[in-house]
Amino acid sequence: MQQTLADQYIRAYVNPMNHLSIRDLQKISGETIGNLPGPTPVKSGDRTIGLLIPFKKADLGKLAAALAQAEELAKGRDPAADAAALAPFGEVDLTDWSIEAVRAFLAENS
């Protein structure tokens, strides 16, 4: 993909300055925003007035692998015992978020 001159300018500007100005926002493309390394402060003069957070497309393969790993780790655990152990840290969500429980919930409520 060909970058515009404004995209090249902003990329060079963002790295050393580590922020964007209101004027910069008017000049950059959506692709440039998506390529930002992470949350970027937006400033008006010396005052930070916002935070620009580029959304990254999720890697569905990695997400599925992480969910499968979490599901495997949850097998054989006692939710009541886990809740009792975590109670000193505050309210505990005892919702069963397993794939089967979520599918059953969706089937009941659709």
C-alpha atoms as a PDB file:
ATOM      1  CA  MET A   1       0.000   0.000   0.000  1.00  0.00           C
ATOM      2  CA  GLN A   2       1.220   3.427  -0.866  1.00  0.00           C
ATOM      3  CA  GLN A   3       1.451   5.906   1.977  1.00  0.00           C
ATOM      4  CA  THR A   4       0.479   9.488   1.476  1.00  0.00           C
ATOM      5  CA  LEU A   5       2.909  12.256   2.276  1.00  0.00           C
ATOM      6  CA  ALA A   6       0.764  13.159   5.291  1.00  0.00           C
ATOM      7  CA  ASP A   7       0.936   9.546   6.554  1.00  0.00           C
ATOM      8  CA  GLN A   8       4.727   9.552   6.214  1.00  0.00           C
ATOM      9  CA  TYR A   9       4.934  12.920   7.980  1.00  0.00           C
ATOM     10  CA  ILE A  10       2.712  11.788  10.838  1.00  0.00           C
ATOM     11  CA  ARG A  11       4.553   8.477  11.266  1.00  0.00           C
ATOM     12  CA  ALA A  12       7.843  10.361  11.581  1.00  0.00           C
ATOM     13  CA  TYR A  13       6.188  12.900  13.860  1.00  0.00           C
ATOM     14  CA  VAL A  14       4.471  10.407  16.190  1.00  0.00           C
ATOM     15  CA  ASN A  15       7.524   8.332  17.023  1.00  0.00           C
ATOM     16  CA  PRO A  16       9.807  11.075  18.357  1.00  0.00           C
ATOM     17  CA  MET A  17       7.041  13.309  19.770  1.00  0.00           C
ATOM     18  CA  ASN A  18       4.933  10.471  21.210  1.00  0.00           C
ATOM     19  CA  HIS A  19       1.686  12.459  20.879  1.00  0.00           C
ATOM     20  CA  LEU A  20      -0.614  13.999  18.271  1.00  0.00           C
ATOM     21  CA  SER A  21      -2.055  17.471  18.121  1.00  0.00           C
ATOM     22  CA  ILE A  22      -5.600  18.344  17.093  1.00  0.00           C
ATOM     23  CA  ARG A  23      -4.221  19.571  13.764  1.00  0.00           C
ATOM     24  CA  ASP A  24      -2.397  16.277  13.227  1.00  0.00           C
ATOM     25  CA  LEU A  25      -5.693  14.410  13.529  1.00  0.00           C
ATOM     26  CA  GLN A  26      -7.079  16.365  10.581  1.00  0.00           C
ATOM     27  CA  LYS A  27      -4.200  15.262   8.378  1.00  0.00           C
ATOM     28  CA  ILE A  28      -3.833  11.543   9.017  1.00  0.00           C
ATOM     29  CA  SER A  29      -5.631   8.595   7.493  1.00  0.00           C
ATOM     30  CA  GLY A  30      -7.462   5.767   9.188  1.00  0.00           C
ATOM     31  CA  GLU A  31      -4.699   3.408   8.093  1.00  0.00           C
ATOM     32  CA  THR A  32      -2.100   5.569   9.827  1.00  0.00           C
ATOM     33  CA  ILE A  33      -4.172   5.613  13.011  1.00  0.00           C
ATOM     34  CA  GLY A  34      -4.476   1.814  12.831  1.00  0.00           C
ATOM     35  CA  ASN A  35      -0.698   1.538  12.524  1.00  0.00           C
ATOM     36  CA  LEU A  36       0.043   3.570  15.634  1.00  0.00           C
ATOM     37  CA  PRO A  37       2.085   1.487  18.103  1.00  0.00           C
ATOM     38  CA  GLY A  38      -0.541   1.839  20.840  1.00  0.00           C
ATOM     39  CA  PRO A  39      -2.513   4.439  22.793  1.00  0.00           C
ATOM     40  CA  THR A  40      -1.374   7.909  21.743  1.00  0.00           C
ATOM     41  CA  PRO A  41      -2.071  11.111  23.675  1.00  0.00           C
ATOM     42  CA  VAL A  42      -3.864  13.902  21.811  1.00  0.00           C
ATOM     43  CA  LYS A  43      -2.748  17.355  22.905  1.00  0.00           C
ATOM     44  CA  SER A  44      -4.012  20.877  22.530  1.00  0.00           C
ATOM     45  CA  GLY A  45      -0.988  22.999  23.263  1.00  0.00           C
ATOM     46  CA  ASP A  46       0.610  21.534  26.391  1.00  0.00           C
ATOM     47  CA  ARG A  47      -2.638  20.029  27.682  1.00  0.00           C
ATOM     48  CA  THR A  48      -3.509  16.396  26.994  1.00  0.00           C
ATOM     49  CA  ILE A  49      -7.179  16.360  26.001  1.00  0.00           C
ATOM     50  CA  GLY A  50      -7.700  12.810  24.845  1.00  0.00           C
ATOM     51  CA  LEU A  51      -6.265   9.435  24.065  1.00  0.00           C
ATOM     52  CA  LEU A  52      -6.356   7.864  20.601  1.00  0.00           C
ATOM     53  CA  ILE A  53      -6.479   4.070  20.841  1.00  0.00           C
ATOM     54  CA  PRO A  54      -6.143   2.208  17.549  1.00  0.00           C
ATOM     55  CA  PHE A  55      -8.230  -0.944  17.304  1.00  0.00           C
ATOM     56  CA  LYS A  56      -6.316  -3.989  16.139  1.00  0.00           C
ATOM     57  CA  LYS A  57      -8.034  -6.843  14.340  1.00  0.00           C
ATOM     58  CA  ALA A  58      -8.153  -9.893  16.595  1.00  0.00           C
ATOM     59  CA  ASP A  59      -6.275 -13.014  15.544  1.00  0.00           C
ATOM     60  CA  LEU A  60      -9.160 -15.477  15.776  1.00  0.00           C
ATOM     61  CA  GLY A  61      -6.811 -18.476  15.810  1.00  0.00           C
ATOM     62  CA  LYS A  62      -4.948 -17.157  18.851  1.00  0.00           C
ATOM     63  CA  LEU A  63      -8.206 -16.223  20.541  1.00  0.00           C
ATOM     64  CA  ALA A  64      -9.631 -19.724  19.982  1.00  0.00           C
ATOM     65  CA  ALA A  65      -6.424 -21.273  21.338  1.00  0.00           C
ATOM     66  CA  ALA A  66      -6.525 -19.078  24.454  1.00  0.00           C
ATOM     67  CA  LEU A  67     -10.182 -19.926  25.076  1.00  0.00           C
ATOM     68  CA  ALA A  68      -9.491 -23.648  24.622  1.00  0.00           C
ATOM     69  CA  GLN A  69      -6.585 -23.404  27.075  1.00  0.00           C
ATOM     70  CA  ALA A  70      -8.769 -21.584  29.625  1.00  0.00           C
ATOM     71  CA  GLU A  71     -11.472 -24.226  29.191  1.00  0.00           C
ATOM     72  CA  GLU A  72      -8.930 -27.004  29.763  1.00  0.00           C
ATOM     73  CA  LEU A  73      -7.520 -25.297  32.863  1.00  0.00           C
ATOM     74  CA  ALA A  74     -11.035 -24.898  34.300  1.00  0.00           C
ATOM     75  CA  LYS A  75     -11.831 -28.632  34.096  1.00  0.00           C
ATOM     76  CA  GLY A  76     -12.018 -30.254  37.500  1.00  0.00           C
ATOM     77  CA  ARG A  77     -12.013 -26.976  39.415  1.00  0.00           C
ATOM     78  CA  ASP A  78     -14.563 -26.355  42.146  1.00  0.00           C
ATOM     79  CA  PRO A  79     -16.196 -22.949  41.528  1.00  0.00           C
ATOM     80  CA  ALA A  80     -17.378 -22.695  45.149  1.00  0.00           C
ATOM     81  CA  ALA A  81     -13.864 -23.350  46.473  1.00  0.00           C
ATOM     82  CA  ASP A  82     -12.433 -20.806  44.038  1.00  0.00           C
ATOM     83  CA  ALA A  83     -15.020 -18.238  45.154  1.00  0.00           C
ATOM     84  CA  ALA A  84     -14.199 -18.863  48.809  1.00  0.00           C
ATOM     85  CA  ALA A  85     -10.487 -18.457  48.131  1.00  0.00           C
ATOM     86  CA  LEU A  86     -11.054 -15.197  46.218  1.00  0.00           C
ATOM     87  CA  ALA A  87     -13.658 -13.714  48.590  1.00  0.00           C
ATOM     88  CA  PRO A  88     -11.084 -11.647  50.557  1.00  0.00           C
ATOM     89  CA  PHE A  89     -10.361  -9.713  47.338  1.00  0.00           C
ATOM     90  CA  GLY A  90     -13.975  -8.602  46.818  1.00  0.00           C
ATOM     91  CA  GLU A  91     -17.047  -9.730  44.934  1.00  0.00           C
ATOM     92  CA  VAL A  92     -16.560 -12.873  42.857  1.00  0.00           C
ATOM     93  CA  ASP A  93     -18.411 -13.576  39.589  1.00  0.00           C
ATOM     94  CA  LEU A  94     -19.608 -17.194  39.806  1.00  0.00           C
ATOM     95  CA  THR A  95     -20.991 -17.211  36.259  1.00  0.00           C
ATOM     96  CA  ASP A  96     -20.137 -20.366  34.331  1.00  0.00           C
ATOM     97  CA  TRP A  97     -18.494 -19.023  31.167  1.00  0.00           C
ATOM     98  CA  SER A  98     -17.759 -22.423  29.644  1.00  0.00           C
ATOM     99  CA  ILE A  99     -18.591 -22.873  25.978  1.00  0.00           C
ATOM    100  CA  GLU A 100     -21.394 -25.297  26.832  1.00  0.00           C
ATOM    101  CA  ALA A 101     -22.935 -22.936  29.416  1.00  0.00           C
ATOM    102  CA  VAL A 102     -22.825 -19.960  27.051  1.00  0.00           C
ATOM    103  CA  ARG A 103     -24.384 -21.996  24.217  1.00  0.00           C
ATOM    104  CA  ALA A 104     -27.124 -23.245  26.569  1.00  0.00           C
ATOM    105  CA  PHE A 105     -27.806 -19.681  27.744  1.00  0.00           C
ATOM    106  CA  LEU A 106     -28.008 -18.404  24.170  1.00  0.00           C
ATOM    107  CA  ALA A 107     -30.350 -21.246  23.176  1.00  0.00           C
ATOM    108  CA  GLU A 108     -32.664 -20.478  26.108  1.00  0.00           C
ATOM    109  CA  ASN A 109     -32.748 -16.753  25.375  1.00  0.00           C
ATOM    110  CA  SER A 110     -33.091 -16.699  21.594  1.00  0.00           C
END
